[in-house]
Protein backbone atom coordinates (compact mmCIF):
# COMPACT_ATOMS: atom_id res chain seq x y z
CA UNK A 1 156.16 102.97 81.34
CA UNK A 2 154.95 99.92 83.17
CA UNK A 3 153.59 102.12 86.04
CA UNK A 4 151.49 104.21 83.59
CA UNK A 5 150.05 100.87 82.10
CA UNK A 6 149.20 99.44 85.53
CA UNK A 7 147.61 102.74 86.59
CA UNK A 8 145.55 103.03 83.47
CA UNK A 9 144.47 99.45 83.84
CA UNK A 10 143.31 99.98 87.39
CA UNK A 11 141.48 103.23 86.67
CA UNK A 12 139.88 101.26 83.76
CA UNK A 13 138.75 98.47 86.10
CA UNK A 14 137.08 101.02 88.43
CA UNK A 15 135.49 102.62 85.47
CA UNK A 16 134.39 99.34 84.17
CA UNK A 17 132.82 98.45 87.49
CA UNK A 18 130.92 101.64 87.53
CA UNK A 19 129.56 100.95 84.09
CA UNK A 20 128.40 97.56 85.14
CA UNK A 21 126.46 99.16 88.08
CA UNK A 22 125.01 101.77 85.82
CA UNK A 23 123.86 99.24 83.26
CA UNK A 24 122.41 97.20 86.01
CA UNK A 25 120.58 100.22 87.18
CA UNK A 26 119.07 100.62 83.81
CA UNK A 27 117.96 96.94 83.71
CA UNK A 28 116.41 97.33 87.20
CA UNK A 29 114.60 100.44 86.08
CA UNK A 30 113.28 98.53 83.05
CA UNK A 31 112.01 95.61 85.14
CA UNK A 32 110.39 98.16 87.40
CA UNK A 33 108.58 99.78 84.54
CA UNK A 34 107.28 96.55 83.24
CA UNK A 35 105.97 95.45 86.61
CA UNK A 36 104.38 98.97 86.95
CA UNK A 37 102.84 98.58 83.58
CA UNK A 38 101.28 95.20 84.45
CA UNK A 39 100.46 95.86 88.02
CA UNK A 40 99.49 99.59 88.17
CA UNK A 41 98.68 100.89 84.77
CA UNK A 42 96.46 98.01 83.59
CA UNK A 43 94.26 97.95 86.56
CA UNK A 44 93.96 101.73 86.42
CA UNK A 45 93.13 101.56 82.74
CA UNK A 46 90.54 99.00 83.37
CA UNK A 47 89.04 101.01 86.17
CA UNK A 48 88.85 104.11 83.82
CA UNK A 49 87.01 101.90 81.29
CA UNK A 50 84.37 100.85 83.80
CA UNK A 51 85.39 97.35 84.62
CA UNK A 52 82.98 95.66 87.28
CA UNK A 53 86.05 94.63 89.33
CA UNK A 54 89.68 95.59 89.36
CA UNK A 55 92.34 93.30 90.79
CA UNK A 56 95.64 94.84 91.91
CA UNK A 57 98.40 93.59 94.31
CA UNK A 58 99.14 96.10 96.99
CA UNK A 59 102.47 94.32 97.83
CA UNK A 60 103.70 94.96 94.31
CA UNK A 61 104.17 98.59 95.16
CA UNK A 62 106.95 97.76 97.34
CA UNK A 63 108.78 95.85 94.48
CA UNK A 64 108.17 98.78 92.21
CA UNK A 65 109.64 101.29 94.80
CA UNK A 66 112.73 99.12 95.30
CA UNK A 67 113.24 99.02 91.52
CA UNK A 68 112.80 102.72 91.17
CA UNK A 69 114.96 103.74 94.13
CA UNK A 70 117.78 101.33 93.58
CA UNK A 71 117.72 101.61 89.80
CA UNK A 72 118.04 105.44 90.01
CA UNK A 73 120.78 105.00 92.62
CA UNK A 74 122.80 102.78 90.52
CA UNK A 75 122.37 104.76 87.45
CA UNK A 76 123.33 108.03 89.01
CA UNK A 77 126.19 106.82 91.38
CA UNK A 78 127.36 103.60 89.82
CA UNK A 79 127.65 102.36 93.56
CA UNK A 80 130.33 105.00 94.13
CA UNK A 81 128.86 105.08 97.78
CA UNK A 82 128.28 101.45 98.78
CA UNK A 83 124.91 100.79 100.40
CA UNK A 84 126.11 97.74 102.37
CA UNK A 85 129.26 96.73 104.36
CA UNK A 86 129.93 93.19 103.19
CA UNK A 87 132.19 92.24 105.93
CA UNK A 88 129.82 93.36 108.77
CA UNK A 89 126.78 92.17 106.75
CA UNK A 90 125.05 95.59 107.50
CA UNK A 91 123.86 98.63 105.84
CA UNK A 92 125.90 101.71 105.43
CA UNK A 93 124.49 105.25 105.91
CA UNK A 94 123.65 105.35 102.15
CA UNK A 95 121.79 101.98 102.49
CA UNK A 96 119.73 103.23 105.50
CA UNK A 97 118.82 106.38 103.37
CA UNK A 98 117.98 104.34 100.30
CA UNK A 99 115.88 101.98 102.78
CA UNK A 100 114.02 105.06 104.02
CA UNK A 101 113.39 106.50 100.64
CA UNK A 102 112.21 103.16 99.33
CA UNK A 103 109.65 102.81 102.39
CA UNK A 104 108.41 106.34 101.77
CA UNK A 105 107.92 105.65 98.13
CA UNK A 106 106.11 102.34 98.73
CA UNK A 107 103.77 103.81 101.29
CA UNK A 108 103.07 106.90 98.95
CA UNK A 109 102.48 104.57 96.01
CA UNK A 110 100.10 102.38 98.08
CA UNK A 111 98.14 105.27 99.25
CA UNK A 112 98.03 106.89 95.87
CA UNK A 113 96.94 103.78 94.05
CA UNK A 114 94.21 103.20 96.85
CA UNK A 115 92.96 106.65 96.58
CA UNK A 116 92.79 106.70 92.88
CA UNK A 117 90.78 103.40 92.77
CA UNK A 118 88.48 104.71 95.46
CA UNK A 119 87.93 108.04 93.46
CA UNK A 120 86.88 105.76 90.47
CA UNK A 121 84.37 104.05 92.72
CA UNK A 122 86.15 100.83 93.69
CA UNK A 123 86.76 99.71 97.19
């Protein structure tokens, strides 16, 4: 009886840890959406309305990419596949893949925003 209780408690702890990561992923996605709203959507909306000048921060695209990639990663996996090795203080294979996806998303987001603003007549 005690073994069943201990086994259930340990399994519940693992499940609770995954839920925390998944909820954290949702929070990261929400933060990314707020940042994207302010830093991407509003300048594009101003450009479509014909503002004389539009200000946007190209570096913010990296933060949005990080929020999107890691938020989705945590929501989907619950950190079942750790992205870093704490003892060696290095990335695991999953971490390197996430890093590559983040870099590609950031570069693509930058060029998309730049091309969109240029197509609307801004330099």
